[in-house]
């Protein structure tokens, strides 16, 4: 059996899918994880200053035994290693939940933003870079290549071949077992017992004008619906009076999903969507964009009834189809195949094995103060 490793995990933006992933890892991984974190606020600020802040925390409290450094793309890993060169000698992983590199066709004359190079610097400094979806991996490499092409000083030592060699698809662990437990409880009715007109709208990152137009069309048709919205939609028809959920209340999102028959997302080019994965696993009908991760996530037979083209007309049509047409059946085998890579136990086993390959031989220990392991920051 491989030895148990000590992983120092640094998460400057501890919320949403990032928090859910780390919580699943803490339950299912065979390795010891020490987590340093900051709340999920002001992402750009975290990219700029979190490296300095965490380096200072570790300087004051001691480091600890560290075999691997693990962070998300919210941390500027290159800056962190400049401040903590002792940890820079350890293997490291950056997990890309998303990427903030500028678009390939971004105008060079606009100049670089303060965070445009952070993801590229972190990826270059890391031993491996992991991505939550193949779409995210390909998008990152495409944008990184465009960014390098716009900077002569980067082209002289082109990092793209090295980045491609250490890029890996590693699906995030999602605790589907906990969802199934809730479904089996009396507070979470089975899919067959749900109100077919219960609709959960995920408005995060959506085009509010398009969503408002789709809802206005449904309201004008006098369609009965029980509407719950994650976030707020500008221009929401007053007659609908939806229940509104806080964008950061993951528990409320899941409880509502288990009571809903239809999930609507209008977030284009999403690199991953925990809620859509859970919807597939719980029997809730997802209606999602035909861009980003969704075409690969959904089985081919669900593309027609589930994918919309981002227009209000398409979203309305898909919702009406879900309400009035019979849904595809016999997809259980396909869904199991789609969902199994995200199962927390299986996904964490993959993560554990990849981490073990990064540390083929015992590394010299750095003993850490126990104060670090108890650090819970609320800045």
Protein backbone atom coordinates (compact mmCIF):
# COMPACT_ATOMS: atom_id res chain seq x y z
CA UNK A 1 0.00 0.00 0.00
CA UNK A 2 1.23 3.50 -0.85
CA UNK A 3 2.21 5.65 2.06
CA UNK A 4 -0.15 8.26 3.42
CA UNK A 5 0.74 11.73 2.19
CA UNK A 6 0.43 15.11 3.85
CA UNK A 7 -1.28 17.56 1.51
CA UNK A 8 -1.25 21.31 2.13
CA UNK A 9 -4.40 22.63 0.42
CA UNK A 10 -4.76 26.39 -0.06
CA UNK A 11 -8.12 27.77 -1.15
CA UNK A 12 -8.44 31.57 -1.33
CA UNK A 13 -12.07 31.36 -2.54
CA UNK A 14 -13.71 28.76 -0.31
CA UNK A 15 -17.30 28.57 -1.51
CA UNK A 16 -19.64 26.86 -3.95
CA UNK A 17 -18.14 24.01 -5.97
CA UNK A 18 -14.68 24.67 -4.49
CA UNK A 19 -15.89 24.13 -0.95
CA UNK A 20 -18.01 21.12 -1.92
CA UNK A 21 -15.04 19.48 -3.61
CA UNK A 22 -12.69 20.00 -0.65
CA UNK A 23 -15.33 18.75 1.79
CA UNK A 24 -15.79 15.59 -0.29
CA UNK A 25 -12.02 15.07 -0.41
CA UNK A 26 -11.71 15.51 3.35
CA UNK A 27 -14.25 12.70 3.84
CA UNK A 28 -13.08 10.26 1.18
CA UNK A 29 -9.34 10.74 0.63
CA UNK A 30 -6.90 8.33 2.25
CA UNK A 31 -4.33 11.10 2.66
CA UNK A 32 -4.05 13.78 5.37
CA UNK A 33 -5.21 17.19 4.19
CA UNK A 34 -4.44 20.49 5.92
CA UNK A 35 -6.69 23.23 4.55
CA UNK A 36 -5.99 26.96 4.68
CA UNK A 37 -8.89 29.00 3.33
CA UNK A 38 -10.49 32.38 2.86
CA UNK A 39 -14.19 33.11 2.27
CA UNK A 40 -15.59 33.31 -1.25
CA UNK A 41 -15.48 37.06 -1.75
CA UNK A 42 -13.85 39.38 -4.32
CA UNK A 43 -12.19 36.82 -6.57
CA UNK A 44 -9.88 39.29 -8.33
CA UNK A 45 -8.63 40.56 -4.99
CA UNK A 46 -7.88 37.01 -3.88
CA UNK A 47 -5.80 36.42 -7.03
CA UNK A 48 -3.74 39.53 -6.36
CA UNK A 49 -3.01 39.29 -2.63
CA UNK A 50 -3.86 35.80 -1.33
CA UNK A 51 -0.34 34.47 -1.99
CA UNK A 52 1.17 37.11 0.30
CA UNK A 53 -1.47 36.56 2.94
CA UNK A 54 -1.08 32.77 3.11
CA UNK A 55 2.72 33.02 3.06
CA UNK A 56 2.51 35.34 6.08
CA UNK A 57 0.14 32.96 7.91
CA UNK A 58 2.54 30.07 7.39
CA UNK A 59 5.54 32.16 8.44
CA UNK A 60 3.87 32.99 11.74
CA UNK A 61 2.49 29.52 12.50
CA UNK A 62 5.06 27.19 10.95
CA UNK A 63 4.55 24.96 7.94
CA UNK A 64 4.19 21.36 8.85
CA UNK A 65 4.96 18.11 7.11
CA UNK A 66 4.12 18.74 3.47
CA UNK A 67 4.44 16.23 0.64
CA UNK A 68 2.31 18.07 -1.94
CA UNK A 69 0.98 21.64 -2.26
CA UNK A 70 -2.56 21.75 -3.67
CA UNK A 71 -4.39 24.94 -4.65
CA UNK A 72 -7.07 26.23 -6.96
CA UNK A 73 -6.50 28.76 -9.71
CA UNK A 74 -7.61 31.49 -7.28
CA UNK A 75 -4.06 31.47 -5.86
CA UNK A 76 -1.07 32.98 -7.68
CA UNK A 77 1.13 29.96 -7.07
CA UNK A 78 4.22 31.56 -8.63
CA UNK A 79 4.04 34.47 -6.19
CA UNK A 80 3.42 32.08 -3.29
CA UNK A 81 6.53 30.03 -4.15
CA UNK A 82 8.64 33.19 -4.42
CA UNK A 83 7.64 33.97 -0.84
CA UNK A 84 7.94 30.35 0.33
CA UNK A 85 10.75 28.75 -1.74
CA UNK A 86 10.89 25.83 0.72
CA UNK A 87 7.40 24.79 -0.40
CA UNK A 88 8.33 25.47 -4.02
CA UNK A 89 10.61 22.46 -3.85
CA UNK A 90 7.61 20.22 -3.15
CA UNK A 91 5.39 18.75 -5.92
CA UNK A 92 2.38 20.97 -6.54
CA UNK A 93 -1.04 20.82 -8.20
CA UNK A 94 -3.27 23.65 -9.35
CA UNK A 95 -6.92 22.64 -9.80
CA UNK A 96 -8.73 24.76 -12.37
CA UNK A 97 -12.42 25.06 -11.51
CA UNK A 98 -12.51 27.82 -14.12
CA UNK A 99 -9.92 29.96 -15.83
CA UNK A 100 -9.64 33.73 -15.93
CA UNK A 101 -7.34 34.05 -18.93
CA UNK A 102 -8.49 36.68 -21.47
CA UNK A 103 -10.36 35.57 -24.59
CA UNK A 104 -8.22 34.50 -27.53
CA UNK A 105 -9.42 37.45 -29.62
CA UNK A 106 -8.94 40.02 -26.85
CA UNK A 107 -7.54 43.22 -28.38
CA UNK A 108 -3.85 43.64 -27.61
CA UNK A 109 -4.18 47.42 -27.67
CA UNK A 110 -6.44 47.27 -24.61
CA UNK A 111 -3.45 46.19 -22.55
CA UNK A 112 -3.30 43.51 -19.88
CA UNK A 113 -5.53 43.54 -16.84
CA UNK A 114 -3.95 43.11 -13.40
CA UNK A 115 -4.95 39.43 -13.20
CA UNK A 116 -4.58 38.38 -16.86
CA UNK A 117 -1.32 36.51 -16.29
CA UNK A 118 -2.11 34.97 -12.89
CA UNK A 119 -3.48 31.66 -14.21
CA UNK A 120 -0.63 31.31 -16.70
CA UNK A 121 1.99 31.98 -14.00
CA UNK A 122 0.37 29.49 -11.63
CA UNK A 123 0.15 26.81 -14.31
CA UNK A 124 3.82 27.31 -15.22
CA UNK A 125 4.90 27.04 -11.56
CA UNK A 126 2.87 23.88 -10.80
CA UNK A 127 4.05 20.29 -11.23
CA UNK A 128 0.64 19.37 -12.66
CA UNK A 129 -2.48 21.29 -13.62
CA UNK A 130 -5.86 19.56 -13.26
CA UNK A 131 -9.11 20.55 -14.90
CA UNK A 132 -12.70 19.76 -13.98
CA UNK A 133 -13.77 19.23 -17.62
CA UNK A 134 -12.26 18.63 -21.02
CA UNK A 135 -13.95 21.84 -22.17
CA UNK A 136 -12.13 23.81 -19.45
CA UNK A 137 -8.79 22.18 -20.32
CA UNK A 138 -9.12 22.98 -24.02
CA UNK A 139 -10.31 26.52 -23.32
CA UNK A 140 -7.33 27.13 -21.03
CA UNK A 141 -4.77 25.88 -23.56
CA UNK A 142 -6.39 27.91 -26.33
CA UNK A 143 -6.45 31.13 -24.28
CA UNK A 144 -2.95 30.54 -22.92
CA UNK A 145 -1.64 30.10 -26.45
CA UNK A 146 -3.28 33.37 -27.51
CA UNK A 147 -1.84 35.17 -24.49
CA UNK A 148 1.67 33.88 -25.19
CA UNK A 149 1.38 34.95 -28.83
CA UNK A 150 0.63 38.54 -27.74
CA UNK A 151 3.74 38.76 -25.52
CA UNK A 152 7.13 38.55 -27.26
CA UNK A 153 8.92 37.97 -23.96
CA UNK A 154 6.81 34.83 -23.40
CA UNK A 155 7.22 33.57 -26.96
CA UNK A 156 11.01 33.45 -26.49
CA UNK A 157 10.55 30.63 -23.97
CA UNK A 158 7.18 29.29 -25.10
CA UNK A 159 5.60 27.43 -22.14
CA UNK A 160 2.79 25.80 -24.14
CA UNK A 161 4.42 22.42 -24.72
CA UNK A 162 5.14 22.06 -21.02
CA UNK A 163 1.63 23.16 -20.04
CA UNK A 164 0.01 20.67 -22.39
CA UNK A 165 2.19 17.85 -21.04
CA UNK A 166 1.17 18.42 -17.42
CA UNK A 167 -2.54 19.14 -18.02
CA UNK A 168 -4.93 16.41 -16.87
CA UNK A 169 -8.69 15.93 -16.72
CA UNK A 170 -9.62 15.12 -13.10
CA UNK A 171 -13.41 15.23 -12.46
CA UNK A 172 -14.31 16.88 -9.14
CA UNK A 173 -15.74 14.60 -6.45
CA UNK A 174 -19.43 15.24 -5.76
CA UNK A 175 -21.14 13.63 -2.77
CA UNK A 176 -24.01 12.01 -4.66
CA UNK A 177 -24.51 9.59 -1.78
CA UNK A 178 -25.62 12.41 0.54
CA UNK A 179 -28.12 13.51 -2.11
CA UNK A 180 -29.53 10.00 -2.38
CA UNK A 181 -29.87 9.87 1.41
CA UNK A 182 -31.92 13.06 1.32
CA UNK A 183 -34.05 11.65 -1.49
CA UNK A 184 -34.80 8.61 0.64
CA UNK A 185 -35.85 10.74 3.61
CA UNK A 186 -39.41 11.88 4.17
CA UNK A 187 -38.42 15.49 3.51
CA UNK A 188 -37.28 14.78 -0.07
CA UNK A 189 -40.04 13.28 -2.24
CA UNK A 190 -39.24 10.92 -5.08
CA UNK A 191 -39.11 12.37 -8.56
CA UNK A 192 -42.49 10.83 -9.43
CA UNK A 193 -44.12 12.67 -6.52
CA UNK A 194 -42.81 16.13 -7.39
CA UNK A 195 -45.03 18.86 -8.72
CA UNK A 196 -44.29 18.74 -12.48
CA UNK A 197 -44.58 22.54 -12.56
CA UNK A 198 -41.90 23.12 -9.91
CA UNK A 199 -39.09 24.99 -11.67
CA UNK A 200 -35.67 25.90 -10.25
CA UNK A 201 -33.93 28.70 -12.17
CA UNK A 202 -30.18 29.13 -11.72
CA UNK A 203 -29.67 32.79 -12.65
CA UNK A 204 -25.97 32.96 -11.76
CA UNK A 205 -24.03 34.34 -14.71
CA UNK A 206 -27.13 34.39 -16.90
CA UNK A 207 -28.21 37.06 -19.39
CA UNK A 208 -31.00 38.65 -17.35
CA UNK A 209 -32.73 40.13 -20.39
CA UNK A 210 -33.04 36.69 -22.01
CA UNK A 211 -34.22 34.99 -18.81
CA UNK A 212 -36.76 37.76 -18.11
CA UNK A 213 -38.16 37.47 -21.62
CA UNK A 214 -38.57 33.70 -21.28
CA UNK A 215 -40.33 34.05 -17.93
CA UNK A 216 -42.53 36.84 -19.30
CA UNK A 217 -43.60 34.56 -22.15
CA UNK A 218 -44.54 31.80 -19.71
CA UNK A 219 -46.42 34.31 -17.54
CA UNK A 220 -48.29 35.67 -20.58
CA UNK A 221 -49.43 32.13 -21.40
CA UNK A 222 -50.77 31.93 -17.85
CA UNK A 223 -48.72 28.81 -17.23
CA UNK A 224 -48.94 27.66 -13.65
CA UNK A 225 -45.51 27.20 -12.08
CA UNK A 226 -43.83 27.04 -8.70
CA UNK A 227 -40.74 29.14 -9.39
CA UNK A 228 -37.57 29.29 -7.28
CA UNK A 229 -34.63 31.43 -8.38
CA UNK A 230 -30.98 31.18 -7.32
CA UNK A 231 -29.85 34.79 -7.29
CA UNK A 232 -31.92 37.64 -8.68
CA UNK A 233 -33.18 38.38 -12.18
CA UNK A 234 -33.51 41.99 -13.28
CA UNK A 235 -36.84 42.63 -14.97
CA UNK A 236 -38.57 39.62 -13.41
CA UNK A 237 -42.33 39.71 -14.21
CA UNK A 238 -44.02 40.93 -11.02
CA UNK A 239 -46.86 38.42 -11.34
CA UNK A 240 -44.55 35.42 -10.84
CA UNK A 241 -43.49 36.18 -7.24
CA UNK A 242 -40.68 33.58 -7.07
CA UNK A 243 -38.93 32.22 -4.02
CA UNK A 244 -35.38 33.63 -4.06
CA UNK A 245 -32.36 31.73 -2.76
CA UNK A 246 -29.02 33.24 -1.84
CA UNK A 247 -26.34 32.41 -4.43
CA UNK A 248 -24.03 31.05 -1.72
CA UNK A 249 -26.57 28.86 0.13
CA UNK A 250 -25.57 25.48 -1.33
CA UNK A 251 -27.71 23.56 1.13
CA UNK A 252 -30.87 25.42 0.10
CA UNK A 253 -29.99 24.86 -3.57
CA UNK A 254 -29.82 21.10 -3.05
CA UNK A 255 -32.99 20.90 -0.96
CA UNK A 256 -34.89 22.87 -3.59
CA UNK A 257 -33.46 20.76 -6.40
CA UNK A 258 -34.79 17.62 -4.74
CA UNK A 259 -38.29 19.16 -4.74
CA UNK A 260 -38.11 20.51 -8.30
CA UNK A 261 -38.99 18.76 -11.54
CA UNK A 262 -37.18 21.13 -13.89
CA UNK A 263 -33.82 22.90 -13.54
CA UNK A 264 -33.13 25.81 -15.91
CA UNK A 265 -29.63 27.23 -16.30
CA UNK A 266 -28.81 30.10 -18.66
CA UNK A 267 -25.11 30.37 -17.87
CA UNK A 268 -23.15 30.17 -21.15
CA UNK A 269 -19.75 28.52 -21.48
CA UNK A 270 -19.82 26.94 -18.02
CA UNK A 271 -16.74 24.83 -17.26
CA UNK A 272 -18.65 22.71 -14.73
CA UNK A 273 -22.03 22.68 -13.02
CA UNK A 274 -22.48 20.76 -9.77
CA UNK A 275 -26.20 21.51 -9.76
CA UNK A 276 -26.74 20.03 -13.22
CA UNK A 277 -24.82 16.88 -12.23
CA UNK A 278 -26.99 16.53 -9.14
CA UNK A 279 -30.10 17.15 -11.23
CA UNK A 280 -29.20 14.23 -13.49
CA UNK A 281 -28.66 12.04 -10.45
CA UNK A 282 -31.90 13.01 -8.74
CA UNK A 283 -34.32 12.73 -11.66
CA UNK A 284 -34.77 16.48 -12.12
CA UNK A 285 -35.00 17.48 -15.81
CA UNK A 286 -32.11 19.86 -16.72
CA UNK A 287 -32.58 22.60 -19.33
CA UNK A 288 -29.13 24.03 -20.02
CA UNK A 289 -27.17 25.91 -22.74
CA UNK A 290 -25.74 24.06 -25.73
CA UNK A 291 -22.31 25.51 -24.93
CA UNK A 292 -19.59 24.81 -22.38
CA UNK A 293 -19.62 21.55 -20.46
CA UNK A 294 -23.26 20.68 -21.09
CA UNK A 295 -23.15 18.95 -24.51
CA UNK A 296 -20.49 16.56 -23.17
CA UNK A 297 -22.21 16.12 -19.82
CA UNK A 298 -25.61 15.10 -21.18
CA UNK A 299 -26.19 11.82 -23.03
CA UNK A 300 -26.96 12.27 -26.74
CA UNK A 301 -30.67 11.32 -26.37
CA UNK A 302 -31.11 14.26 -23.96
CA UNK A 303 -29.61 16.91 -26.24
CA UNK A 304 -32.90 17.64 -28.00
CA UNK A 305 -35.14 17.99 -24.92
CA UNK A 306 -32.50 19.58 -22.64
CA UNK A 307 -30.20 21.89 -24.59
CA UNK A 308 -31.25 25.44 -25.51
CA UNK A 309 -29.45 27.90 -27.77
CA UNK A 310 -29.35 30.79 -25.31
CA UNK A 311 -32.39 32.63 -26.66
CA UNK A 312 -35.59 33.28 -24.75
CA UNK A 313 -37.61 31.40 -27.40
CA UNK A 314 -35.45 28.30 -27.03
CA UNK A 315 -35.59 28.34 -23.22
CA UNK A 316 -39.38 28.74 -23.29
CA UNK A 317 -39.76 25.91 -25.80
CA UNK A 318 -37.63 23.51 -23.71
CA UNK A 319 -39.63 24.32 -20.55
CA UNK A 320 -42.95 23.75 -22.33
CA UNK A 321 -41.62 20.47 -23.76
CA UNK A 322 -40.68 19.34 -20.25
CA UNK A 323 -44.17 20.15 -19.02
CA UNK A 324 -46.25 18.78 -21.88
CA UNK A 325 -44.21 16.07 -23.63
CA UNK A 326 -43.22 12.67 -22.32
CA UNK A 327 -39.61 12.62 -21.22
CA UNK A 328 -37.11 10.09 -22.62
CA UNK A 329 -36.98 6.82 -20.72
CA UNK A 330 -34.49 3.99 -20.45
CA UNK A 331 -31.50 6.28 -19.91
CA UNK A 332 -30.45 4.83 -16.57
CA UNK A 333 -27.38 3.05 -17.96
CA UNK A 334 -26.22 6.16 -19.81
CA UNK A 335 -26.75 8.36 -16.76
CA UNK A 336 -24.80 5.98 -14.53
CA UNK A 337 -21.92 6.14 -16.99
CA UNK A 338 -22.04 9.95 -17.02
CA UNK A 339 -22.29 10.31 -13.23
CA UNK A 340 -19.85 7.63 -12.07
CA UNK A 341 -16.67 9.73 -12.63
CA UNK A 342 -18.09 12.34 -10.22
CA UNK A 343 -18.94 9.88 -7.44
CA UNK A 344 -17.00 11.09 -4.41
CA UNK A 345 -15.39 7.75 -3.52
CA UNK A 346 -14.33 6.96 -7.08
CA UNK A 347 -13.16 10.50 -7.87
CA UNK A 348 -11.15 10.76 -4.63
CA UNK A 349 -9.47 7.44 -5.38
CA UNK A 350 -8.34 8.88 -8.73
CA UNK A 351 -7.08 12.01 -6.96
CA UNK A 352 -5.22 9.98 -4.32
CA UNK A 353 -3.49 7.86 -6.94
CA UNK A 354 -2.41 10.87 -8.99
CA UNK A 355 -1.00 12.55 -5.88
CA UNK A 356 0.92 9.40 -4.96
CA UNK A 357 2.58 9.41 -8.40
CA UNK A 358 3.85 12.92 -7.70
CA UNK A 359 5.74 11.68 -4.63
CA UNK A 360 7.50 8.48 -5.78
CA UNK A 361 10.00 8.50 -2.93
CA UNK A 362 9.76 9.79 0.66
CA UNK A 363 10.43 13.51 0.81
CA UNK A 364 12.25 15.28 3.65
CA UNK A 365 9.80 16.34 6.27
CA UNK A 366 8.94 19.88 7.26
CA UNK A 367 7.41 19.80 10.71
CA UNK A 368 4.47 22.08 11.20
CA UNK A 369 2.87 23.78 14.13
CA UNK A 370 -0.50 22.32 15.09
CA UNK A 371 -1.88 25.87 15.01
CA UNK A 372 -1.88 25.75 11.21
CA UNK A 373 -4.09 22.69 11.13
CA UNK A 374 -6.69 24.45 13.26
CA UNK A 375 -6.66 27.67 11.22
CA UNK A 376 -10.11 28.72 10.01
CA UNK A 377 -9.96 32.21 8.53
CA UNK A 378 -12.95 34.53 8.25
CA UNK A 379 -11.33 37.51 6.59
